[in-house]
Amino acid sequence: MKKILIVDDEPNIVMSLEYTFKKKNFEVYIARDGGEALQIANTIVPDIVLLDIMMPNVDGYETLKQIRNNQNLNKTKIVFLSAKNKTADIEKGLQMGADKYLTKPFSIKKLVTEINELWN
């Protein structure tokens, strides 16, 4: 079973993503900010992290940087899911090492498709 870590501070987004990925047979973990995400990621070593950028405490960019610098997490796929939709934001996220960058609002169906493509 694939492990997914959902990192977002918006409860409605977290709830819909959690529901969707549990239905798709993922083992789902939730973090409300980057600091919590890093603690969980070090413990469970997720297959994929869905990562918001604008969060309290540790933002998504810093979280991504720390995940990419951690040898134990080098196979973890990172998908930014952010309201930051300018070309410069998207390019920055991808240059920093995200595997994909999707913007909010998003289609759950498209998100699931994009995530499935990461393993094909």
PDB file of N, CA and C in Angstrom:
ATOM      1  N   MET A   1       0.843  -1.183   0.000  1.00  0.00           N
ATOM      2  CA  MET A   1       0.000   0.000   0.000  1.00  0.00           C
ATOM      3  C   MET A   1       0.891   1.250   0.000  1.00  0.00           C
ATOM      4  N   LYS A   2       0.631   2.161  -0.931  1.00  0.00           N
ATOM      5  CA  LYS A   2       1.408   3.394  -1.017  1.00  0.00           C
ATOM      6  C   LYS A   2       1.053   4.322   0.136  1.00  0.00           C
ATOM      7  N   LYS A   3       2.082   4.994   0.668  1.00  0.00           N
ATOM      8  CA  LYS A   3       1.871   5.939   1.762  1.00  0.00           C
ATOM      9  C   LYS A   3       1.913   7.359   1.210  1.00  0.00           C
ATOM     10  N   ILE A   4       0.871   8.140   1.536  1.00  0.00           N
ATOM     11  CA  ILE A   4       0.811   9.527   1.096  1.00  0.00           C
ATOM     12  C   ILE A   4       0.726  10.434   2.320  1.00  0.00           C
ATOM     13  N   LEU A   5       1.518  11.487   2.300  1.00  0.00           N
ATOM     14  CA  LEU A   5       1.496  12.486   3.364  1.00  0.00           C
ATOM     15  C   LEU A   5       0.907  13.759   2.773  1.00  0.00           C
ATOM     16  N   ILE A   6      -0.222  14.193   3.323  1.00  0.00           N
ATOM     17  CA  ILE A   6      -0.901  15.404   2.865  1.00  0.00           C
ATOM     18  C   ILE A   6      -0.519  16.529   3.820  1.00  0.00           C
ATOM     19  N   VAL A   7       0.097  17.574   3.267  1.00  0.00           N
ATOM     20  CA  VAL A   7       0.574  18.682   4.091  1.00  0.00           C
ATOM     21  C   VAL A   7      -0.140  19.955   3.654  1.00  0.00           C
ATOM     22  N   ASP A   8      -1.107  20.379   4.450  1.00  0.00           N
ATOM     23  CA  ASP A   8      -1.883  21.582   4.127  1.00  0.00           C
ATOM     24  C   ASP A   8      -2.530  22.088   5.405  1.00  0.00           C
ATOM     25  N   ASP A   9      -2.689  23.408   5.508  1.00  0.00           N
ATOM     26  CA  ASP A   9      -3.309  23.988   6.704  1.00  0.00           C
ATOM     27  C   ASP A   9      -4.779  24.330   6.495  1.00  0.00           C
ATOM     28  N   GLU A  10      -5.347  23.954   5.343  1.00  0.00           N
ATOM     29  CA  GLU A  10      -6.767  24.205   5.085  1.00  0.00           C
ATOM     30  C   GLU A  10      -7.564  22.922   5.308  1.00  0.00           C
ATOM     31  N   PRO A  11      -8.350  22.864   6.389  1.00  0.00           N
ATOM     32  CA  PRO A  11      -9.072  21.627   6.758  1.00  0.00           C
ATOM     33  C   PRO A  11      -9.947  21.058   5.646  1.00  0.00           C
ATOM     34  N   ASN A  12     -10.623  21.898   4.861  1.00  0.00           N
ATOM     35  CA  ASN A  12     -11.512  21.377   3.811  1.00  0.00           C
ATOM     36  C   ASN A  12     -10.725  20.641   2.733  1.00  0.00           C
ATOM     37  N   ILE A  13      -9.570  21.159   2.391  1.00  0.00           N
ATOM     38  CA  ILE A  13      -8.733  20.506   1.382  1.00  0.00           C
ATOM     39  C   ILE A  13      -8.209  19.188   1.941  1.00  0.00           C
ATOM     40  N   VAL A  14      -7.736  19.223   3.173  1.00  0.00           N
ATOM     41  CA  VAL A  14      -7.204  18.006   3.803  1.00  0.00           C
ATOM     42  C   VAL A  14      -8.276  16.925   3.847  1.00  0.00           C
ATOM     43  N   MET A  15      -9.484  17.294   4.242  1.00  0.00           N
ATOM     44  CA  MET A  15     -10.562  16.291   4.354  1.00  0.00           C
ATOM     45  C   MET A  15     -10.882  15.661   2.999  1.00  0.00           C
ATOM     46  N   SER A  16     -10.997  16.473   1.950  1.00  0.00           N
ATOM     47  CA  SER A  16     -11.361  15.894   0.649  1.00  0.00           C
ATOM     48  C   SER A  16     -10.223  15.039   0.094  1.00  0.00           C
ATOM     49  N   LEU A  17      -8.973  15.469   0.304  1.00  0.00           N
ATOM     50  CA  LEU A  17      -7.844  14.663  -0.169  1.00  0.00           C
ATOM     51  C   LEU A  17      -7.723  13.359   0.616  1.00  0.00           C
ATOM     52  N   GLU A  18      -7.907  13.443   1.919  1.00  0.00           N
ATOM     53  CA  GLU A  18      -7.832  12.245   2.755  1.00  0.00           C
ATOM     54  C   GLU A  18      -8.875  11.226   2.311  1.00  0.00           C
ATOM     55  N   TYR A  19     -10.109  11.686   2.123  1.00  0.00           N
ATOM     56  CA  TYR A  19     -11.195  10.813   1.680  1.00  0.00           C
ATOM     57  C   TYR A  19     -10.852  10.165   0.336  1.00  0.00           C
ATOM     58  N   THR A  20     -10.411  10.983  -0.616  1.00  0.00           N
ATOM     59  CA  THR A  20     -10.102  10.487  -1.961  1.00  0.00           C
ATOM     60  C   THR A  20      -9.020   9.418  -1.935  1.00  0.00           C
ATOM     61  N   PHE A  21      -7.919   9.691  -1.224  1.00  0.00           N
ATOM     62  CA  PHE A  21      -6.791   8.756  -1.272  1.00  0.00           C
ATOM     63  C   PHE A  21      -7.022   7.509  -0.429  1.00  0.00           C
ATOM     64  N   LYS A  22      -7.832   7.606   0.606  1.00  0.00           N
ATOM     65  CA  LYS A  22      -8.199   6.378   1.336  1.00  0.00           C
ATOM     66  C   LYS A  22      -9.030   5.473   0.427  1.00  0.00           C
ATOM     67  N   LYS A  23      -9.936   6.080  -0.360  1.00  0.00           N
ATOM     68  CA  LYS A  23     -10.741   5.303  -1.307  1.00  0.00           C
ATOM     69  C   LYS A  23      -9.872   4.644  -2.375  1.00  0.00           C
ATOM     70  N   LYS A  24      -8.746   5.267  -2.691  1.00  0.00           N
ATOM     71  CA  LYS A  24      -7.826   4.731  -3.709  1.00  0.00           C
ATOM     72  C   LYS A  24      -6.784   3.790  -3.079  1.00  0.00           C
ATOM     73  N   ASN A  25      -7.039   3.378  -1.835  1.00  0.00           N
ATOM     74  CA  ASN A  25      -6.177   2.423  -1.124  1.00  0.00           C
ATOM     75  C   ASN A  25      -4.784   2.943  -0.791  1.00  0.00           C
ATOM     76  N   PHE A  26      -4.697   4.227  -0.500  1.00  0.00           N
ATOM     77  CA  PHE A  26      -3.448   4.776   0.022  1.00  0.00           C
ATOM     78  C   PHE A  26      -3.516   4.760   1.544  1.00  0.00           C
ATOM     79  N   GLU A  27      -2.357   4.633   2.172  1.00  0.00           N
ATOM     80  CA  GLU A  27      -2.240   4.837   3.611  1.00  0.00           C
ATOM     81  C   GLU A  27      -2.024   6.347   3.773  1.00  0.00           C
ATOM     82  N   VAL A  28      -2.953   7.036   4.425  1.00  0.00           N
ATOM     83  CA  VAL A  28      -2.948   8.506   4.443  1.00  0.00           C
ATOM     84  C   VAL A  28      -2.470   9.055   5.784  1.00  0.00           C
ATOM     85  N   TYR A  29      -1.540  10.011   5.697  1.00  0.00           N
ATOM     86  CA  TYR A  29      -1.048  10.735   6.874  1.00  0.00           C
ATOM     87  C   TYR A  29      -1.262  12.220   6.630  1.00  0.00           C
ATOM     88  N   ILE A  30      -1.495  12.962   7.715  1.00  0.00           N
ATOM     89  CA  ILE A  30      -1.832  14.389   7.615  1.00  0.00           C
ATOM     90  C   ILE A  30      -0.859  15.220   8.444  1.00  0.00           C
ATOM     91  N   ALA A  31      -0.424  16.343   7.871  1.00  0.00           N
ATOM     92  CA  ALA A  31       0.366  17.325   8.619  1.00  0.00           C
ATOM     93  C   ALA A  31      -0.205  18.703   8.308  1.00  0.00           C
ATOM     94  N   ARG A  32      -0.194  19.587   9.306  1.00  0.00           N
ATOM     95  CA  ARG A  32      -0.772  20.933   9.147  1.00  0.00           C
ATOM     96  C   ARG A  32       0.277  21.988   8.796  1.00  0.00           C
ATOM     97  N   ASP A  33       1.549  21.646   8.923  1.00  0.00           N
ATOM     98  CA  ASP A  33       2.617  22.576   8.536  1.00  0.00           C
ATOM     99  C   ASP A  33       3.879  21.776   8.226  1.00  0.00           C
ATOM    100  N   GLY A  34       4.880  22.487   7.736  1.00  0.00           N
ATOM    101  CA  GLY A  34       6.103  21.810   7.304  1.00  0.00           C
ATOM    102  C   GLY A  34       6.857  21.106   8.413  1.00  0.00           C
ATOM    103  N   GLY A  35       6.882  21.706   9.592  1.00  0.00           N
ATOM    104  CA  GLY A  35       7.588  21.076  10.717  1.00  0.00           C
ATOM    105  C   GLY A  35       6.988  19.730  11.073  1.00  0.00           C
ATOM    106  N   GLU A  36       5.676  19.707  11.156  1.00  0.00           N
ATOM    107  CA  GLU A  36       4.962  18.453  11.453  1.00  0.00           C
ATOM    108  C   GLU A  36       5.189  17.447  10.314  1.00  0.00           C
ATOM    109  N   ALA A  37       5.184  17.943   9.082  1.00  0.00           N
ATOM    110  CA  ALA A  37       5.391  17.078   7.917  1.00  0.00           C
ATOM    111  C   ALA A  37       6.756  16.393   7.968  1.00  0.00           C
ATOM    112  N   LEU A  38       7.783  17.152   8.349  1.00  0.00           N
ATOM    113  CA  LEU A  38       9.136  16.585   8.402  1.00  0.00           C
ATOM    114  C   LEU A  38       9.236  15.508   9.471  1.00  0.00           C
ATOM    115  N   GLN A  39       8.601  15.734  10.615  1.00  0.00           N
ATOM    116  CA  GLN A  39       8.606  14.720  11.678  1.00  0.00           C
ATOM    117  C   GLN A  39       7.935  13.434  11.194  1.00  0.00           C
ATOM    118  N   ILE A  40       6.761  13.578  10.577  1.00  0.00           N
ATOM    119  CA  ILE A  40       6.018  12.408  10.099  1.00  0.00           C
ATOM    120  C   ILE A  40       6.801  11.702   8.986  1.00  0.00           C
ATOM    121  N   ALA A  41       7.334  12.478   8.048  1.00  0.00           N
ATOM    122  CA  ALA A  41       8.059  11.895   6.912  1.00  0.00           C
ATOM    123  C   ALA A  41       9.258  11.080   7.392  1.00  0.00           C
ATOM    124  N   ASN A  42       9.958  11.568   8.396  1.00  0.00           N
ATOM    125  CA  ASN A  42      11.114  10.832   8.921  1.00  0.00           C
ATOM    126  C   ASN A  42      10.696   9.527   9.578  1.00  0.00           C
ATOM    127  N   THR A  43       9.482   9.480  10.104  1.00  0.00           N
ATOM    128  CA  THR A  43       8.992   8.290  10.788  1.00  0.00           C
ATOM    129  C   THR A  43       8.443   7.247   9.810  1.00  0.00           C
ATOM    130  N   ILE A  44       7.621   7.696   8.861  1.00  0.00           N
ATOM    131  CA  ILE A  44       6.918   6.736   7.992  1.00  0.00           C
ATOM    132  C   ILE A  44       7.554   6.553   6.615  1.00  0.00           C
ATOM    133  N   VAL A  45       8.401   7.476   6.173  1.00  0.00           N
ATOM    134  CA  VAL A  45       8.992   7.503   4.832  1.00  0.00           C
ATOM    135  C   VAL A  45       7.893   7.312   3.766  1.00  0.00           C
ATOM    136  N   PRO A  46       7.171   8.384   3.481  1.00  0.00           N
ATOM    137  CA  PRO A  46       6.061   8.287   2.527  1.00  0.00           C
ATOM    138  C   PRO A  46       6.539   8.076   1.090  1.00  0.00           C
ATOM    139  N   ASP A  47       5.674   7.478   0.277  1.00  0.00           N
ATOM    140  CA  ASP A  47       5.960   7.335  -1.148  1.00  0.00           C
ATOM    141  C   ASP A  47       5.767   8.668  -1.851  1.00  0.00           C
ATOM    142  N   ILE A  48       4.801   9.439  -1.346  1.00  0.00           N
ATOM    143  CA  ILE A  48       4.483  10.724  -1.967  1.00  0.00           C
ATOM    144  C   ILE A  48       4.074  11.731  -0.902  1.00  0.00           C
ATOM    145  N   VAL A  49       4.439  12.983  -1.139  1.00  0.00           N
ATOM    146  CA  VAL A  49       4.029  14.078  -0.264  1.00  0.00           C
ATOM    147  C   VAL A  49       3.279  15.096  -1.117  1.00  0.00           C
ATOM    148  N   LEU A  50       2.033  15.388  -0.744  1.00  0.00           N
ATOM    149  CA  LEU A  50       1.268  16.479  -1.352  1.00  0.00           C
ATOM    150  C   LEU A  50       1.519  17.687  -0.477  1.00  0.00           C
ATOM    151  N   LEU A  51       2.117  18.726  -1.036  1.00  0.00           N
ATOM    152  CA  LEU A  51       2.671  19.791  -0.221  1.00  0.00           C
ATOM    153  C   LEU A  51       2.150  21.164  -0.629  1.00  0.00           C
ATOM    154  N   ASP A  52       1.514  21.838   0.313  1.00  0.00           N
ATOM    155  CA  ASP A  52       1.115  23.232   0.124  1.00  0.00           C
ATOM    156  C   ASP A  52       2.366  24.092   0.316  1.00  0.00           C
ATOM    157  N   ILE A  53       2.367  25.299  -0.212  1.00  0.00           N
ATOM    158  CA  ILE A  53       3.525  26.176  -0.025  1.00  0.00           C
ATOM    159  C   ILE A  53       3.309  27.151   1.127  1.00  0.00           C
ATOM    160  N   MET A  54       2.157  27.826   1.118  1.00  0.00           N
ATOM    161  CA  MET A  54       1.906  28.859   2.128  1.00  0.00           C
ATOM    162  C   MET A  54       1.280  28.234   3.374  1.00  0.00           C
ATOM    163  N   MET A  55       2.142  28.000   4.389  1.00  0.00           N
ATOM    164  CA  MET A  55       1.686  27.395   5.647  1.00  0.00           C
ATOM    165  C   MET A  55       2.382  28.092   6.810  1.00  0.00           C
ATOM    166  N   PRO A  56       1.818  27.962   8.011  1.00  0.00           N
ATOM    167  CA  PRO A  56       2.480  28.549   9.182  1.00  0.00           C
ATOM    168  C   PRO A  56       3.763  27.785   9.528  1.00  0.00           C
ATOM    169  N   ASN A  57       4.615  28.413  10.311  1.00  0.00           N
ATOM    170  CA  ASN A  57       5.871  27.834  10.815  1.00  0.00           C
ATOM    171  C   ASN A  57       6.865  27.552   9.699  1.00  0.00           C
ATOM    172  N   VAL A  58       6.830  26.364   9.110  1.00  0.00           N
ATOM    173  CA  VAL A  58       7.763  26.001   8.039  1.00  0.00           C
ATOM    174  C   VAL A  58       6.977  25.918   6.729  1.00  0.00           C
ATOM    175  N   ASP A  59       7.348  26.745   5.741  1.00  0.00           N
ATOM    176  CA  ASP A  59       6.579  26.749   4.490  1.00  0.00           C
ATOM    177  C   ASP A  59       6.956  25.556   3.598  1.00  0.00           C
ATOM    178  N   GLY A  60       6.245  25.433   2.490  1.00  0.00           N
ATOM    179  CA  GLY A  60       6.453  24.297   1.594  1.00  0.00           C
ATOM    180  C   GLY A  60       7.820  24.265   0.941  1.00  0.00           C
ATOM    181  N   TYR A  61       8.358  25.440   0.591  1.00  0.00           N
ATOM    182  CA  TYR A  61       9.688  25.464  -0.031  1.00  0.00           C
ATOM    183  C   TYR A  61      10.744  24.907   0.917  1.00  0.00           C
ATOM    184  N   GLU A  62      10.712  25.349   2.174  1.00  0.00           N
ATOM    185  CA  GLU A  62      11.691  24.880   3.155  1.00  0.00           C
ATOM    186  C   GLU A  62      11.496  23.384   3.433  1.00  0.00           C
ATOM    187  N   THR A  63      10.240  22.954   3.485  1.00  0.00           N
ATOM    188  CA  THR A  63       9.934  21.539   3.707  1.00  0.00           C
ATOM    189  C   THR A  63      10.520  20.693   2.570  1.00  0.00           C
ATOM    190  N   LEU A  64      10.297  21.148   1.337  1.00  0.00           N
ATOM    191  CA  LEU A  64      10.836  20.439   0.174  1.00  0.00           C
ATOM    192  C   LEU A  64      12.359  20.352   0.260  1.00  0.00           C
ATOM    193  N   LYS A  65      12.994  21.461   0.599  1.00  0.00           N
ATOM    194  CA  LYS A  65      14.459  21.502   0.691  1.00  0.00           C
ATOM    195  C   LYS A  65      14.965  20.473   1.707  1.00  0.00           C
ATOM    196  N   GLN A  66      14.314  20.415   2.856  1.00  0.00           N
ATOM    197  CA  GLN A  66      14.757  19.480   3.890  1.00  0.00           C
ATOM    198  C   GLN A  66      14.501  18.026   3.496  1.00  0.00           C
ATOM    199  N   ILE A  67      13.389  17.773   2.824  1.00  0.00           N
ATOM    200  CA  ILE A  67      13.110  16.403   2.363  1.00  0.00           C
ATOM    201  C   ILE A  67      14.163  15.988   1.341  1.00  0.00           C
ATOM    202  N   ARG A  68      14.472  16.875   0.392  1.00  0.00           N
ATOM    203  CA  ARG A  68      15.450  16.549  -0.654  1.00  0.00           C
ATOM    204  C   ARG A  68      16.857  16.361  -0.084  1.00  0.00           C
ATOM    205  N   ASN A  69      17.152  16.965   1.076  1.00  0.00           N
ATOM    206  CA  ASN A  69      18.470  16.824   1.695  1.00  0.00           C
ATOM    207  C   ASN A  69      18.553  15.616   2.622  1.00  0.00           C
ATOM    208  N   ASN A  70      17.470  14.851   2.742  1.00  0.00           N
ATOM    209  CA  ASN A  70      17.427  13.708   3.647  1.00  0.00           C
ATOM    210  C   ASN A  70      17.577  12.411   2.837  1.00  0.00           C
ATOM    211  N   GLN A  71      18.674  11.698   3.060  1.00  0.00           N
ATOM    212  CA  GLN A  71      18.955  10.459   2.319  1.00  0.00           C
ATOM    213  C   GLN A  71      17.825   9.436   2.421  1.00  0.00           C
ATOM    214  N   ASN A  72      17.194   9.348   3.583  1.00  0.00           N
ATOM    215  CA  ASN A  72      16.123   8.351   3.777  1.00  0.00           C
ATOM    216  C   ASN A  72      14.892   8.653   2.929  1.00  0.00           C
ATOM    217  N   LEU A  73      14.760   9.906   2.480  1.00  0.00           N
ATOM    218  CA  LEU A  73      13.557  10.308   1.746  1.00  0.00           C
ATOM    219  C   LEU A  73      13.845  10.552   0.261  1.00  0.00           C
ATOM    220  N   ASN A  74      14.981  10.048  -0.233  1.00  0.00           N
ATOM    221  CA  ASN A  74      15.364  10.389  -1.602  1.00  0.00           C
ATOM    222  C   ASN A  74      14.471   9.765  -2.676  1.00  0.00           C
ATOM    223  N   LYS A  75      13.673   8.754  -2.326  1.00  0.00           N
ATOM    224  CA  LYS A  75      12.752   8.163  -3.308  1.00  0.00           C
ATOM    225  C   LYS A  75      11.340   8.748  -3.201  1.00  0.00           C
ATOM    226  N   THR A  76      11.113   9.588  -2.197  1.00  0.00           N
ATOM    227  CA  THR A  76       9.790  10.186  -1.989  1.00  0.00           C
ATOM    228  C   THR A  76       9.479  11.178  -3.107  1.00  0.00           C
ATOM    229  N   LYS A  77       8.299  11.031  -3.689  1.00  0.00           N
ATOM    230  CA  LYS A  77       7.835  11.962  -4.725  1.00  0.00           C
ATOM    231  C   LYS A  77       7.172  13.162  -4.038  1.00  0.00           C
ATOM    232  N   ILE A  78       7.424  14.351  -4.564  1.00  0.00           N
ATOM    233  CA  ILE A  78       6.846  15.575  -3.997  1.00  0.00           C
ATOM    234  C   ILE A  78       5.971  16.243  -5.042  1.00  0.00           C
ATOM    235  N   VAL A  79       4.720  16.519  -4.671  1.00  0.00           N
ATOM    236  CA  VAL A  79       3.803  17.249  -5.540  1.00  0.00           C
ATOM    237  C   VAL A  79       3.360  18.506  -4.796  1.00  0.00           C
ATOM    238  N   PHE A  80       3.745  19.666  -5.335  1.00  0.00           N
ATOM    239  CA  PHE A  80       3.239  20.914  -4.770  1.00  0.00           C
ATOM    240  C   PHE A  80       1.787  21.078  -5.184  1.00  0.00           C
ATOM    241  N   LEU A  81       0.967  21.492  -4.248  1.00  0.00           N
ATOM    242  CA  LEU A  81      -0.437  21.782  -4.483  1.00  0.00           C
ATOM    243  C   LEU A  81      -0.660  23.149  -3.857  1.00  0.00           C
ATOM    244  N   SER A  82      -0.628  24.196  -4.687  1.00  0.00           N
ATOM    245  CA  SER A  82      -0.561  25.544  -4.135  1.00  0.00           C
ATOM    246  C   SER A  82      -1.445  26.536  -4.873  1.00  0.00           C
ATOM    247  N   ALA A  83      -1.862  27.571  -4.152  1.00  0.00           N
ATOM    248  CA  ALA A  83      -2.595  28.684  -4.756  1.00  0.00           C
ATOM    249  C   ALA A  83      -1.634  29.624  -5.485  1.00  0.00           C
ATOM    250  N   LYS A  84      -0.339  29.459  -5.246  1.00  0.00           N
ATOM    251  CA  LYS A  84       0.663  30.281  -5.944  1.00  0.00           C
ATOM    252  C   LYS A  84       0.750  29.782  -7.384  1.00  0.00           C
ATOM    253  N   ASN A  85       0.120  30.526  -8.308  1.00  0.00           N
ATOM    254  CA  ASN A  85      -0.034  30.007  -9.670  1.00  0.00           C
ATOM    255  C   ASN A  85       0.717  30.804 -10.722  1.00  0.00           C
ATOM    256  N   LYS A  86       1.605  31.684 -10.314  1.00  0.00           N
ATOM    257  CA  LYS A  86       2.402  32.426 -11.300  1.00  0.00           C
ATOM    258  C   LYS A  86       3.479  31.495 -11.876  1.00  0.00           C
ATOM    259  N   THR A  87       3.847  31.743 -13.121  1.00  0.00           N
ATOM    260  CA  THR A  87       4.861  30.926 -13.783  1.00  0.00           C
ATOM    261  C   THR A  87       6.139  30.866 -12.956  1.00  0.00           C
ATOM    262  N   ALA A  88       6.542  31.998 -12.383  1.00  0.00           N
ATOM    263  CA  ALA A  88       7.776  32.038 -11.585  1.00  0.00           C
ATOM    264  C   ALA A  88       7.675  31.117 -10.368  1.00  0.00           C
ATOM    265  N   ASP A  89       6.492  31.052  -9.727  1.00  0.00           N
ATOM    266  CA  ASP A  89       6.289  30.174  -8.569  1.00  0.00           C
ATOM    267  C   ASP A  89       6.412  28.713  -8.981  1.00  0.00           C
ATOM    268  N   ILE A  90       5.777  28.376 -10.095  1.00  0.00           N
ATOM    269  CA  ILE A  90       5.787  26.998 -10.586  1.00  0.00           C
ATOM    270  C   ILE A  90       7.218  26.582 -10.949  1.00  0.00           C
ATOM    271  N   GLU A  91       7.917  27.462 -11.669  1.00  0.00           N
ATOM    272  CA  GLU A  91       9.305  27.160 -12.050  1.00  0.00           C
ATOM    273  C   GLU A  91      10.190  26.997 -10.824  1.00  0.00           C
ATOM    274  N   LYS A  92      10.005  27.868  -9.826  1.00  0.00           N
ATOM    275  CA  LYS A  92      10.807  27.773  -8.601  1.00  0.00           C
ATOM    276  C   LYS A  92      10.586  26.421  -7.925  1.00  0.00           C
ATOM    277  N   GLY A  93       9.309  26.014  -7.795  1.00  0.00           N
ATOM    278  CA  GLY A  93       8.988  24.737  -7.148  1.00  0.00           C
ATOM    279  C   GLY A  93       9.618  23.555  -7.861  1.00  0.00           C
ATOM    280  N   LEU A  94       9.562  23.559  -9.183  1.00  0.00           N
ATOM    281  CA  LEU A  94      10.126  22.456  -9.962  1.00  0.00           C
ATOM    282  C   LEU A  94      11.655  22.473  -9.916  1.00  0.00           C
ATOM    283  N   GLN A  95      12.236  23.677  -9.966  1.00  0.00           N
ATOM    284  CA  GLN A  95      13.706  23.782  -9.905  1.00  0.00           C
ATOM    285  C   GLN A  95      14.225  23.322  -8.545  1.00  0.00           C
ATOM    286  N   MET A  96      13.426  23.505  -7.500  1.00  0.00           N
ATOM    287  CA  MET A  96      13.847  23.098  -6.155  1.00  0.00           C
ATOM    288  C   MET A  96      13.767  21.580  -5.967  1.00  0.00           C
ATOM    289  N   GLY A  97      13.093  20.898  -6.908  1.00  0.00           N
ATOM    290  CA  GLY A  97      13.078  19.442  -6.826  1.00  0.00           C
ATOM    291  C   GLY A  97      11.711  18.798  -6.696  1.00  0.00           C
ATOM    292  N   ALA A  98      10.636  19.586  -6.849  1.00  0.00           N
ATOM    293  CA  ALA A  98       9.301  18.970  -6.834  1.00  0.00           C
ATOM    294  C   ALA A  98       9.132  18.129  -8.099  1.00  0.00           C
ATOM    295  N   ASP A  99       8.428  17.015  -7.974  1.00  0.00           N
ATOM    296  CA  ASP A  99       8.178  16.163  -9.135  1.00  0.00           C
ATOM    297  C   ASP A  99       7.050  16.713  -9.997  1.00  0.00           C
ATOM    298  N   LYS A 100       6.104  17.370  -9.355  1.00  0.00           N
ATOM    299  CA  LYS A 100       4.986  18.009 -10.069  1.00  0.00           C
ATOM    300  C   LYS A 100       4.555  19.242  -9.291  1.00  0.00           C
ATOM    301  N   TYR A 101       3.869  20.149  -9.989  1.00  0.00           N
ATOM    302  CA  TYR A 101       3.355  21.369  -9.352  1.00  0.00           C
ATOM    303  C   TYR A 101       1.952  21.586  -9.892  1.00  0.00           C
ATOM    304  N   LEU A 102       0.955  21.452  -9.032  1.00  0.00           N
ATOM    305  CA  LEU A 102      -0.439  21.658  -9.421  1.00  0.00           C
ATOM    306  C   LEU A 102      -0.980  22.867  -8.662  1.00  0.00           C
ATOM    307  N   THR A 103      -1.850  23.613  -9.315  1.00  0.00           N
ATOM    308  CA  THR A 103      -2.364  24.830  -8.687  1.00  0.00           C
ATOM    309  C   THR A 103      -3.788  24.640  -8.176  1.00  0.00           C
ATOM    310  N   LYS A 104      -4.090  25.367  -7.097  1.00  0.00           N
ATOM    311  CA  LYS A 104      -5.448  25.400  -6.547  1.00  0.00           C
ATOM    312  C   LYS A 104      -6.195  26.530  -7.256  1.00  0.00           C
ATOM    313  N   PRO A 105      -7.499  26.409  -7.477  1.00  0.00           N
ATOM    314  CA  PRO A 105      -8.294  25.205  -7.206  1.00  0.00           C
ATOM    315  C   PRO A 105      -7.897  24.092  -8.177  1.00  0.00           C
ATOM    316  N   PHE A 106      -8.111  22.856  -7.751  1.00  0.00           N
ATOM    317  CA  PHE A 106      -7.665  21.719  -8.552  1.00  0.00           C
ATOM    318  C   PHE A 106      -8.803  20.731  -8.710  1.00  0.00           C
ATOM    319  N   SER A 107      -8.670  19.894  -9.723  1.00  0.00           N
ATOM    320  CA  SER A 107      -9.618  18.805  -9.951  1.00  0.00           C
ATOM    321  C   SER A 107      -9.058  17.560  -9.272  1.00  0.00           C
ATOM    322  N   ILE A 108      -9.860  16.936  -8.420  1.00  0.00           N
ATOM    323  CA  ILE A 108      -9.428  15.704  -7.729  1.00  0.00           C
ATOM    324  C   ILE A 108      -9.061  14.639  -8.764  1.00  0.00           C
ATOM    325  N   LYS A 109      -9.877  14.535  -9.807  1.00  0.00           N
ATOM    326  CA  LYS A 109      -9.630  13.527 -10.839  1.00  0.00           C
ATOM    327  C   LYS A 109      -8.262  13.760 -11.497  1.00  0.00           C
ATOM    328  N   LYS A 110      -7.951  15.015 -11.838  1.00  0.00           N
ATOM    329  CA  LYS A 110      -6.669  15.340 -12.464  1.00  0.00           C
ATOM    330  C   LYS A 110      -5.519  15.073 -11.488  1.00  0.00           C
ATOM    331  N   LEU A 111      -5.724  15.401 -10.221  1.00  0.00           N
ATOM    332  CA  LEU A 111      -4.696  15.169  -9.202  1.00  0.00           C
ATOM    333  C   LEU A 111      -4.372  13.681  -9.098  1.00  0.00           C
ATOM    334  N   VAL A 112      -5.395  12.854  -9.038  1.00  0.00           N
ATOM    335  CA  VAL A 112      -5.193  11.398  -8.936  1.00  0.00           C
ATOM    336  C   VAL A 112      -4.449  10.889 -10.170  1.00  0.00           C
ATOM    337  N   THR A 113      -4.831  11.377 -11.349  1.00  0.00           N
ATOM    338  CA  THR A 113      -4.156  10.989 -12.591  1.00  0.00           C
ATOM    339  C   THR A 113      -2.688  11.373 -12.553  1.00  0.00           C
ATOM    340  N   GLU A 114      -2.412  12.611 -12.142  1.00  0.00           N
ATOM    341  CA  GLU A 114      -1.027  13.099 -12.066  1.00  0.00           C
ATOM    342  C   GLU A 114      -0.200  12.249 -11.102  1.00  0.00           C
ATOM    343  N   ILE A 115      -0.779  11.897  -9.973  1.00  0.00           N
ATOM    344  CA  ILE A 115      -0.063  11.104  -8.978  1.00  0.00           C
ATOM    345  C   ILE A 115       0.200   9.693  -9.507  1.00  0.00           C
ATOM    346  N   ASN A 116      -0.788   9.107 -10.158  1.00  0.00           N
ATOM    347  CA  ASN A 116      -0.590   7.773 -10.734  1.00  0.00           C
ATOM    348  C   ASN A 116       0.518   7.775 -11.787  1.00  0.00           C
ATOM    349  N   GLU A 117       0.658   8.887 -12.511  1.00  0.00           N
ATOM    350  CA  GLU A 117       1.694   8.984 -13.559  1.00  0.00           C
ATOM    351  C   GLU A 117       3.104   8.963 -12.947  1.00  0.00           C
ATOM    352  N   LEU A 118       3.244   9.349 -11.697  1.00  0.00           N
ATOM    353  CA  LEU A 118       4.558   9.373 -11.073  1.00  0.00           C
ATOM    354  C   LEU A 118       5.162   7.970 -10.953  1.00  0.00           C
ATOM    355  N   TRP A 119       4.340   6.935 -10.996  1.00  0.00           N
ATOM    356  CA  TRP A 119       4.847   5.561 -10.882  1.00  0.00           C
ATOM    357  C   TRP A 119       4.877   4.814 -12.192  1.00  0.00           C
ATOM    358  N   ASN A 120       4.478   5.479 -13.253  1.00  0.00           N
ATOM    359  CA  ASN A 120       4.455   4.795 -14.562  1.00  0.00           C
ATOM    360  C   ASN A 120       5.677   5.139 -15.376  1.00  0.00           C
TER     361      ASN A 120
END
